[in-house]
Amino acid sequence: MATETTTAPAPPGDPPHPPPAEAGAATPSRSRPSGFEQLDGRVKELTSSQAELLERIQKLKHEVQNWRSNVETQVKTCQNELQDLKKGLDSEVEQLKSEMKAVRSAVQEEKGNLPAQNTTLETNNNNTEQAWQTPGQALKVATDASIEEQTATQA
C-alpha cells in the first residue's frame, strides 16, 4: 500500500501561504510596510554616519597624538636649552664672584698700604716744599739786597 500525504485544506478565509523558498526570495517592500522601509533607510544612514564619525574621531585622535608628540619634543628641546643656559650663567656668576673677591682683596690691600703711602707722600711733599722754598727764599733775599743797593746808590 502506498502512503499518501495529504495536506489539510486551507480554511476558506486564509490566503494560501507561499512555500518557504519563495518567502526568502520576496522583496522587503512586499513583506514590510512602508514605515519599516523608512526605518531601514534611516538605520542605514545612521550606521554610515556613525562609521564616518568613528573614522573622523580616529583621524583626530591620531592628529592629537602627533601634535602632543611634537609639543613634548619642543618642550624637551627648550628644557635642554634652558639647562645649558643656566649652566653657562652659573659658571659666569662664579667667575664674576671670584673676580670680585680678587678686586676686594686688592682694594683692602691698597687701603692697608694707603697710610704708609700717605706718610711717604707727605714726607716727599714737605721735602719738595722745602726745596722750592729755599731757591725762592734765596731769590727773594737776592732781590731784596739788589733793591737796597739800588736805593743806596741813588741816594
N, C-alpha and C. Protein backbone atom coordinates (compact mmCIF):
# COMPACT_ATOMS: atom_id res chain seq x y z
N MET A 1 0.80 -1.14 0.00
CA MET A 1 0.00 0.00 0.00
C MET A 1 0.85 1.22 0.00
N ALA A 2 0.44 2.10 -0.71
CA ALA A 2 1.19 3.35 -0.84
C ALA A 2 0.62 4.35 0.12
N THR A 3 1.53 5.05 0.74
CA THR A 3 1.11 6.08 1.68
C THR A 3 1.01 7.40 0.94
N GLU A 4 -0.02 8.01 1.15
CA GLU A 4 -0.22 9.31 0.53
C GLU A 4 -0.17 10.37 1.59
N THR A 5 0.45 11.40 1.25
CA THR A 5 0.46 12.53 2.17
C THR A 5 -0.53 13.53 1.64
N THR A 6 -1.33 13.87 2.50
CA THR A 6 -2.30 14.88 2.12
C THR A 6 -2.12 16.08 3.01
N THR A 7 -2.31 17.18 2.46
CA THR A 7 -2.24 18.40 3.25
C THR A 7 -3.65 18.81 3.58
N ALA A 8 -3.77 19.37 4.70
CA ALA A 8 -5.09 19.79 5.12
C ALA A 8 -5.51 20.97 4.28
N PRO A 9 -6.72 20.97 3.88
CA PRO A 9 -7.15 22.11 3.08
C PRO A 9 -7.14 23.39 3.92
N ALA A 10 -6.79 24.49 3.31
CA ALA A 10 -6.72 25.78 4.00
C ALA A 10 -8.11 26.26 4.30
N PRO A 11 -8.22 26.90 5.42
CA PRO A 11 -9.55 27.43 5.74
C PRO A 11 -9.95 28.44 4.67
N PRO A 12 -11.21 28.59 4.47
CA PRO A 12 -11.66 29.42 3.37
C PRO A 12 -11.25 30.90 3.50
N GLY A 13 -11.02 31.49 4.70
CA GLY A 13 -10.70 32.92 4.83
C GLY A 13 -9.21 33.21 4.74
N ASP A 14 -8.32 32.23 4.89
CA ASP A 14 -6.87 32.48 4.88
C ASP A 14 -6.35 32.42 3.46
N PRO A 15 -5.46 33.35 3.12
CA PRO A 15 -4.85 33.26 1.80
C PRO A 15 -3.83 32.15 1.81
N PRO A 16 -3.54 31.59 0.69
CA PRO A 16 -2.58 30.49 0.68
C PRO A 16 -1.18 31.01 1.01
N HIS A 17 -0.43 30.27 1.81
CA HIS A 17 0.94 30.64 2.18
C HIS A 17 1.88 30.17 1.10
N PRO A 18 2.83 31.01 0.74
CA PRO A 18 3.78 30.56 -0.27
C PRO A 18 4.74 29.56 0.34
N PRO A 19 5.32 28.73 -0.47
CA PRO A 19 6.27 27.77 0.06
C PRO A 19 7.49 28.51 0.63
N PRO A 20 8.29 27.91 1.53
CA PRO A 20 9.41 28.60 2.19
C PRO A 20 10.45 29.12 1.21
N ALA A 21 10.72 28.54 0.12
CA ALA A 21 11.72 29.02 -0.83
C ALA A 21 11.26 30.35 -1.41
N GLU A 22 10.03 30.49 -1.64
CA GLU A 22 9.52 31.72 -2.20
C GLU A 22 9.51 32.84 -1.15
N ALA A 23 9.39 32.52 0.11
CA ALA A 23 9.36 33.54 1.16
C ALA A 23 10.72 34.25 1.24
N GLY A 24 11.83 33.55 1.06
CA GLY A 24 13.16 34.17 1.10
C GLY A 24 13.40 35.02 -0.12
N ALA A 25 12.78 34.72 -1.22
CA ALA A 25 13.01 35.46 -2.44
C ALA A 25 12.17 36.72 -2.50
N ALA A 26 11.23 36.86 -1.63
CA ALA A 26 10.34 38.02 -1.67
C ALA A 26 11.10 39.27 -1.27
N THR A 27 10.80 40.41 -1.85
CA THR A 27 11.45 41.67 -1.54
C THR A 27 10.90 42.21 -0.23
N PRO A 28 11.74 42.99 0.51
CA PRO A 28 11.27 43.51 1.79
C PRO A 28 10.10 44.47 1.61
N SER A 29 10.02 45.12 0.48
CA SER A 29 8.95 46.09 0.31
C SER A 29 7.59 45.40 0.26
N ARG A 30 7.56 44.20 -0.23
CA ARG A 30 6.29 43.50 -0.29
C ARG A 30 5.92 42.90 1.05
N SER A 31 6.98 42.51 1.84
CA SER A 31 6.65 41.84 3.09
C SER A 31 6.59 42.84 4.25
N ARG A 32 7.14 44.07 4.06
CA ARG A 32 7.14 45.05 5.14
C ARG A 32 6.34 46.27 4.72
N PRO A 33 5.74 46.88 5.66
CA PRO A 33 5.01 48.12 5.35
C PRO A 33 6.00 49.25 5.08
N SER A 34 5.57 50.34 4.50
CA SER A 34 6.44 51.44 4.11
C SER A 34 7.09 52.11 5.32
N GLY A 35 6.51 52.11 6.49
CA GLY A 35 7.11 52.68 7.70
C GLY A 35 8.40 51.97 8.06
N PHE A 36 8.40 50.66 7.87
CA PHE A 36 9.62 49.90 8.15
C PHE A 36 10.70 50.20 7.12
N GLU A 37 10.31 50.43 5.89
CA GLU A 37 11.28 50.78 4.86
C GLU A 37 11.97 52.09 5.22
N GLN A 38 11.19 53.06 5.71
CA GLN A 38 11.79 54.34 6.11
C GLN A 38 12.74 54.14 7.28
N LEU A 39 12.35 53.28 8.20
CA LEU A 39 13.23 53.00 9.34
C LEU A 39 14.50 52.31 8.88
N ASP A 40 14.39 51.38 7.94
CA ASP A 40 15.58 50.71 7.41
C ASP A 40 16.52 51.73 6.77
N GLY A 41 15.97 52.62 5.99
CA GLY A 41 16.79 53.66 5.35
C GLY A 41 17.47 54.54 6.39
N ARG A 42 16.72 54.88 7.41
CA ARG A 42 17.28 55.75 8.46
C ARG A 42 18.37 55.01 9.24
N VAL A 43 18.18 53.72 9.51
CA VAL A 43 19.19 52.92 10.21
C VAL A 43 20.45 52.83 9.37
N LYS A 44 20.31 52.59 8.07
CA LYS A 44 21.48 52.53 7.19
C LYS A 44 22.20 53.87 7.16
N GLU A 45 21.43 54.95 7.10
CA GLU A 45 22.01 56.29 7.09
C GLU A 45 22.77 56.56 8.40
N LEU A 46 22.17 56.20 9.50
CA LEU A 46 22.82 56.41 10.80
C LEU A 46 24.05 55.53 10.95
N THR A 47 23.99 54.31 10.43
CA THR A 47 25.13 53.41 10.51
C THR A 47 26.30 53.97 9.72
N SER A 48 26.02 54.44 8.50
CA SER A 48 27.11 55.01 7.70
C SER A 48 27.61 56.30 8.34
N SER A 49 26.70 57.07 8.89
CA SER A 49 27.10 58.31 9.57
C SER A 49 27.96 57.98 10.79
N GLN A 50 27.59 56.94 11.50
CA GLN A 50 28.37 56.51 12.66
C GLN A 50 29.76 56.06 12.23
N ALA A 51 29.85 55.33 11.14
CA ALA A 51 31.15 54.87 10.64
C ALA A 51 32.01 56.07 10.24
N GLU A 52 31.40 57.06 9.58
CA GLU A 52 32.15 58.26 9.21
C GLU A 52 32.64 59.00 10.45
N LEU A 53 31.77 59.11 11.44
CA LEU A 53 32.16 59.80 12.68
C LEU A 53 33.29 59.06 13.39
N LEU A 54 33.21 57.74 13.43
CA LEU A 54 34.28 56.97 14.05
C LEU A 54 35.60 57.16 13.31
N GLU A 55 35.52 57.20 11.98
CA GLU A 55 36.72 57.42 11.18
C GLU A 55 37.30 58.81 11.46
N ARG A 56 36.44 59.80 11.53
CA ARG A 56 36.91 61.17 11.83
C ARG A 56 37.51 61.24 13.23
N ILE A 57 36.89 60.56 14.17
CA ILE A 57 37.41 60.55 15.54
C ILE A 57 38.79 59.92 15.57
N GLN A 58 38.95 58.81 14.84
CA GLN A 58 40.26 58.15 14.79
C GLN A 58 41.32 59.07 14.18
N LYS A 59 40.95 59.78 13.10
CA LYS A 59 41.89 60.72 12.48
C LYS A 59 42.26 61.84 13.45
N LEU A 60 41.25 62.38 14.12
CA LEU A 60 41.51 63.46 15.08
C LEU A 60 42.38 62.97 16.24
N LYS A 61 42.10 61.76 16.68
CA LYS A 61 42.90 61.18 17.76
C LYS A 61 44.35 61.04 17.32
N HIS A 62 44.56 60.59 16.10
CA HIS A 62 45.91 60.45 15.56
C HIS A 62 46.59 61.82 15.44
N GLU A 63 45.85 62.82 14.96
CA GLU A 63 46.40 64.17 14.85
C GLU A 63 46.79 64.71 16.23
N VAL A 64 45.94 64.48 17.22
CA VAL A 64 46.23 64.96 18.57
C VAL A 64 47.48 64.26 19.12
N GLN A 65 47.61 62.97 18.86
CA GLN A 65 48.80 62.26 19.31
C GLN A 65 50.06 62.81 18.65
N ASN A 66 49.99 63.09 17.35
CA ASN A 66 51.14 63.69 16.65
C ASN A 66 51.45 65.07 17.21
N TRP A 67 50.41 65.87 17.42
CA TRP A 67 50.60 67.22 17.96
C TRP A 67 51.24 67.14 19.34
N ARG A 68 50.73 66.25 20.16
CA ARG A 68 51.27 66.11 21.52
C ARG A 68 52.73 65.67 21.48
N SER A 69 53.04 64.75 20.59
CA SER A 69 54.42 64.30 20.45
C SER A 69 55.32 65.46 20.04
N ASN A 70 54.85 66.27 19.09
CA ASN A 70 55.63 67.43 18.66
C ASN A 70 55.82 68.42 19.81
N VAL A 71 54.77 68.66 20.56
CA VAL A 71 54.86 69.60 21.69
C VAL A 71 55.83 69.07 22.74
N GLU A 72 55.76 67.79 23.03
CA GLU A 72 56.67 67.20 24.01
C GLU A 72 58.12 67.31 23.54
N THR A 73 58.35 67.11 22.25
CA THR A 73 59.70 67.25 21.69
C THR A 73 60.18 68.68 21.84
N GLN A 74 59.32 69.64 21.52
CA GLN A 74 59.70 71.04 21.65
C GLN A 74 59.97 71.41 23.10
N VAL A 75 59.16 70.90 24.01
CA VAL A 75 59.35 71.19 25.44
C VAL A 75 60.69 70.63 25.90
N LYS A 76 61.02 69.41 25.50
CA LYS A 76 62.30 68.82 25.89
C LYS A 76 63.46 69.64 25.33
N THR A 77 63.33 70.07 24.08
CA THR A 77 64.38 70.88 23.46
C THR A 77 64.56 72.19 24.24
N CYS A 78 63.46 72.83 24.56
CA CYS A 78 63.54 74.09 25.32
C CYS A 78 64.12 73.85 26.71
N GLN A 79 63.74 72.77 27.35
CA GLN A 79 64.28 72.47 28.68
C GLN A 79 65.79 72.26 28.60
N ASN A 80 66.24 71.53 27.58
CA ASN A 80 67.68 71.31 27.41
C ASN A 80 68.41 72.63 27.18
N GLU A 81 67.83 73.49 26.34
CA GLU A 81 68.45 74.79 26.08
C GLU A 81 68.51 75.61 27.36
N LEU A 82 67.42 75.60 28.14
CA LEU A 82 67.40 76.35 29.40
C LEU A 82 68.43 75.81 30.38
N GLN A 83 68.58 74.50 30.43
CA GLN A 83 69.59 73.92 31.32
C GLN A 83 70.99 74.34 30.90
N ASP A 84 71.25 74.33 29.60
CA ASP A 84 72.56 74.77 29.11
C ASP A 84 72.80 76.24 29.44
N LEU A 85 71.78 77.07 29.24
CA LEU A 85 71.91 78.49 29.57
C LEU A 85 72.15 78.69 31.07
N LYS A 86 71.44 77.91 31.87
CA LYS A 86 71.60 78.03 33.32
C LYS A 86 73.01 77.64 33.74
N LYS A 87 73.53 76.56 33.15
CA LYS A 87 74.90 76.14 33.47
C LYS A 87 75.89 77.23 33.08
N GLY A 88 75.69 77.81 31.89
CA GLY A 88 76.58 78.88 31.43
C GLY A 88 76.51 80.09 32.35
N LEU A 89 75.30 80.46 32.74
CA LEU A 89 75.14 81.61 33.64
C LEU A 89 75.75 81.32 35.01
N ASP A 90 75.55 80.11 35.50
CA ASP A 90 76.13 79.75 36.80
C ASP A 90 77.65 79.86 36.76
N SER A 91 78.25 79.38 35.68
CA SER A 91 79.72 79.45 35.60
C SER A 91 80.17 80.91 35.49
N GLU A 92 79.43 81.73 34.74
CA GLU A 92 79.78 83.15 34.64
C GLU A 92 79.64 83.84 36.00
N VAL A 93 78.58 83.50 36.73
CA VAL A 93 78.38 84.09 38.06
C VAL A 93 79.53 83.70 38.98
N GLU A 94 79.93 82.44 38.93
CA GLU A 94 81.05 82.00 39.77
C GLU A 94 82.33 82.73 39.39
N GLN A 95 82.55 82.91 38.10
CA GLN A 95 83.74 83.63 37.63
C GLN A 95 83.70 85.08 38.12
N LEU A 96 82.52 85.72 38.00
CA LEU A 96 82.39 87.10 38.47
C LEU A 96 82.59 87.20 39.98
N LYS A 97 82.10 86.21 40.71
CA LYS A 97 82.29 86.21 42.16
C LYS A 97 83.77 86.14 42.51
N SER A 98 84.49 85.26 41.82
CA SER A 98 85.92 85.14 42.12
C SER A 98 86.67 86.42 41.72
N GLU A 99 86.27 87.03 40.60
CA GLU A 99 86.90 88.28 40.20
C GLU A 99 86.61 89.39 41.21
N MET A 100 85.37 89.44 41.70
CA MET A 100 85.02 90.45 42.71
C MET A 100 85.80 90.22 44.00
N LYS A 101 85.98 88.97 44.35
CA LYS A 101 86.75 88.64 45.55
C LYS A 101 88.19 89.13 45.39
N ALA A 102 88.77 88.92 44.22
CA ALA A 102 90.13 89.37 43.95
C ALA A 102 90.21 90.89 44.00
N VAL A 103 89.21 91.56 43.44
CA VAL A 103 89.19 93.03 43.45
C VAL A 103 89.06 93.53 44.89
N ARG A 104 88.19 92.90 45.67
CA ARG A 104 88.03 93.32 47.07
C ARG A 104 89.33 93.16 47.85
N SER A 105 89.98 92.03 47.66
CA SER A 105 91.24 91.83 48.39
C SER A 105 92.29 92.83 47.93
N ALA A 106 92.31 93.15 46.64
CA ALA A 106 93.26 94.16 46.14
C ALA A 106 92.95 95.53 46.73
N VAL A 107 91.67 95.86 46.82
CA VAL A 107 91.27 97.14 47.42
C VAL A 107 91.65 97.18 48.88
N GLN A 108 91.41 96.09 49.60
CA GLN A 108 91.79 96.04 51.02
C GLN A 108 93.29 96.19 51.17
N GLU A 109 94.03 95.55 50.30
CA GLU A 109 95.49 95.65 50.35
C GLU A 109 95.92 97.10 50.09
N GLU A 110 95.28 97.73 49.12
CA GLU A 110 95.60 99.13 48.82
C GLU A 110 95.23 100.03 49.99
N LYS A 111 94.11 99.74 50.63
CA LYS A 111 93.73 100.53 51.81
C LYS A 111 94.76 100.38 52.91
N GLY A 112 95.28 99.18 53.08
CA GLY A 112 96.31 98.94 54.09
C GLY A 112 97.58 99.69 53.75
N ASN A 113 97.93 99.78 52.50
CA ASN A 113 99.14 100.49 52.06
C ASN A 113 98.94 102.00 52.01
N LEU A 114 97.71 102.45 52.02
CA LEU A 114 97.42 103.87 51.87
C LEU A 114 98.02 104.73 52.98
N PRO A 115 97.91 104.36 54.27
CA PRO A 115 98.54 105.21 55.30
C PRO A 115 100.05 105.30 55.11
N ALA A 116 100.69 104.21 54.75
CA ALA A 116 102.14 104.25 54.53
C ALA A 116 102.45 105.14 53.34
N GLN A 117 101.64 105.05 52.29
CA GLN A 117 101.86 105.90 51.12
C GLN A 117 101.61 107.36 51.46
N ASN A 118 100.58 107.61 52.29
CA ASN A 118 100.30 108.99 52.69
C ASN A 118 101.47 109.58 53.45
N THR A 119 102.04 108.78 54.35
CA THR A 119 103.19 109.26 55.11
C THR A 119 104.34 109.55 54.17
N THR A 120 104.58 108.66 53.23
CA THR A 120 105.66 108.86 52.27
C THR A 120 105.37 110.09 51.41
N LEU A 121 104.13 110.24 50.97
CA LEU A 121 103.77 111.38 50.15
C LEU A 121 103.92 112.68 50.93
N GLU A 122 103.48 112.65 52.18
CA GLU A 122 103.62 113.86 53.00
C GLU A 122 105.09 114.23 53.18
N THR A 123 105.91 113.24 53.42
CA THR A 123 107.34 113.49 53.57
C THR A 123 107.90 114.05 52.28
N ASN A 124 107.56 113.43 51.17
CA ASN A 124 108.03 113.91 49.87
C ASN A 124 107.51 115.31 49.58
N ASN A 125 106.26 115.56 49.95
CA ASN A 125 105.65 116.86 49.73
C ASN A 125 106.38 117.93 50.55
N ASN A 126 106.66 117.59 51.80
CA ASN A 126 107.38 118.54 52.66
C ASN A 126 108.77 118.82 52.10
N ASN A 127 109.45 117.78 51.66
CA ASN A 127 110.79 117.96 51.08
C ASN A 127 110.72 118.83 49.83
N THR A 128 109.69 118.59 49.01
CA THR A 128 109.53 119.37 47.79
C THR A 128 109.25 120.83 48.13
N GLU A 129 108.38 121.03 49.12
CA GLU A 129 108.08 122.41 49.52
C GLU A 129 109.34 123.10 50.03
N GLN A 130 110.11 122.39 50.79
CA GLN A 130 111.35 122.99 51.30
C GLN A 130 112.32 123.28 50.16
N ALA A 131 112.37 122.38 49.21
CA ALA A 131 113.27 122.59 48.07
C ALA A 131 112.83 123.81 47.27
N TRP A 132 111.58 124.00 47.10
CA TRP A 132 111.09 125.15 46.35
C TRP A 132 111.22 126.43 47.17
N GLN A 133 111.02 126.29 48.45
CA GLN A 133 111.13 127.49 49.29
C GLN A 133 112.58 127.97 49.36
N THR A 134 113.51 127.13 49.41
CA THR A 134 114.91 127.53 49.52
C THR A 134 115.35 128.36 48.33
N PRO A 135 115.14 127.93 47.08
CA PRO A 135 115.53 128.79 45.98
C PRO A 135 114.70 130.06 45.94
N GLY A 136 113.44 129.95 46.28
CA GLY A 136 112.59 131.13 46.27
C GLY A 136 113.02 132.13 47.33
N GLN A 137 113.33 131.59 48.47
CA GLN A 137 113.79 132.48 49.54
C GLN A 137 115.13 133.10 49.17
N ALA A 138 115.98 132.32 48.54
CA ALA A 138 117.28 132.84 48.13
C ALA A 138 117.08 133.91 47.07
N LEU A 139 116.16 133.70 46.18
CA LEU A 139 115.87 134.68 45.15
C LEU A 139 115.31 135.95 45.76
N LYS A 140 114.41 135.74 46.75
CA LYS A 140 113.81 136.88 47.43
C LYS A 140 114.89 137.68 48.17
N VAL A 141 115.75 136.97 48.82
CA VAL A 141 116.84 137.64 49.56
C VAL A 141 117.72 138.39 48.59
N ALA A 142 118.03 137.76 47.45
CA ALA A 142 118.89 138.40 46.45
C ALA A 142 118.18 139.61 45.87
N THR A 143 116.89 139.51 45.64
CA THR A 143 116.14 140.62 45.08
C THR A 143 116.07 141.76 46.09
N ASP A 144 115.84 141.43 47.33
CA ASP A 144 115.78 142.46 48.38
C ASP A 144 117.13 143.17 48.49
N ALA A 145 118.21 142.44 48.41
CA ALA A 145 119.54 143.03 48.53
C ALA A 145 119.83 143.93 47.34
N SER A 146 119.41 143.52 46.16
CA SER A 146 119.68 144.35 44.99
C SER A 146 118.84 145.61 45.03
N ILE A 147 117.63 145.55 45.55
CA ILE A 147 116.79 146.74 45.67
C ILE A 147 117.42 147.70 46.67
N GLU A 148 117.94 147.17 47.72
CA GLU A 148 118.58 148.01 48.73
C GLU A 148 119.81 148.69 48.14
N GLU A 149 120.55 147.99 47.35
CA GLU A 149 121.76 148.58 46.73
C GLU A 149 121.36 149.69 45.78
N GLN A 150 120.33 149.47 45.02
CA GLN A 150 119.92 150.49 44.07
C GLN A 150 119.43 151.74 44.81
N THR A 151 118.73 151.60 45.86
CA THR A 151 118.27 152.76 46.61
C THR A 151 119.43 153.46 47.28
N ALA A 152 120.42 152.71 47.69
CA ALA A 152 121.58 153.31 48.34
C ALA A 152 122.39 154.08 47.32
N THR A 153 122.56 153.61 46.12
CA THR A 153 123.33 154.31 45.11
C THR A 153 122.58 155.54 44.63
N GLN A 154 121.36 155.51 44.62
CA GLN A 154 120.60 156.65 44.17
C GLN A 154 120.63 157.74 45.24
N ALA A 155 120.79 157.42 46.40
CA ALA A 155 120.77 158.43 47.45
C ALA A 155 122.10 159.04 47.62
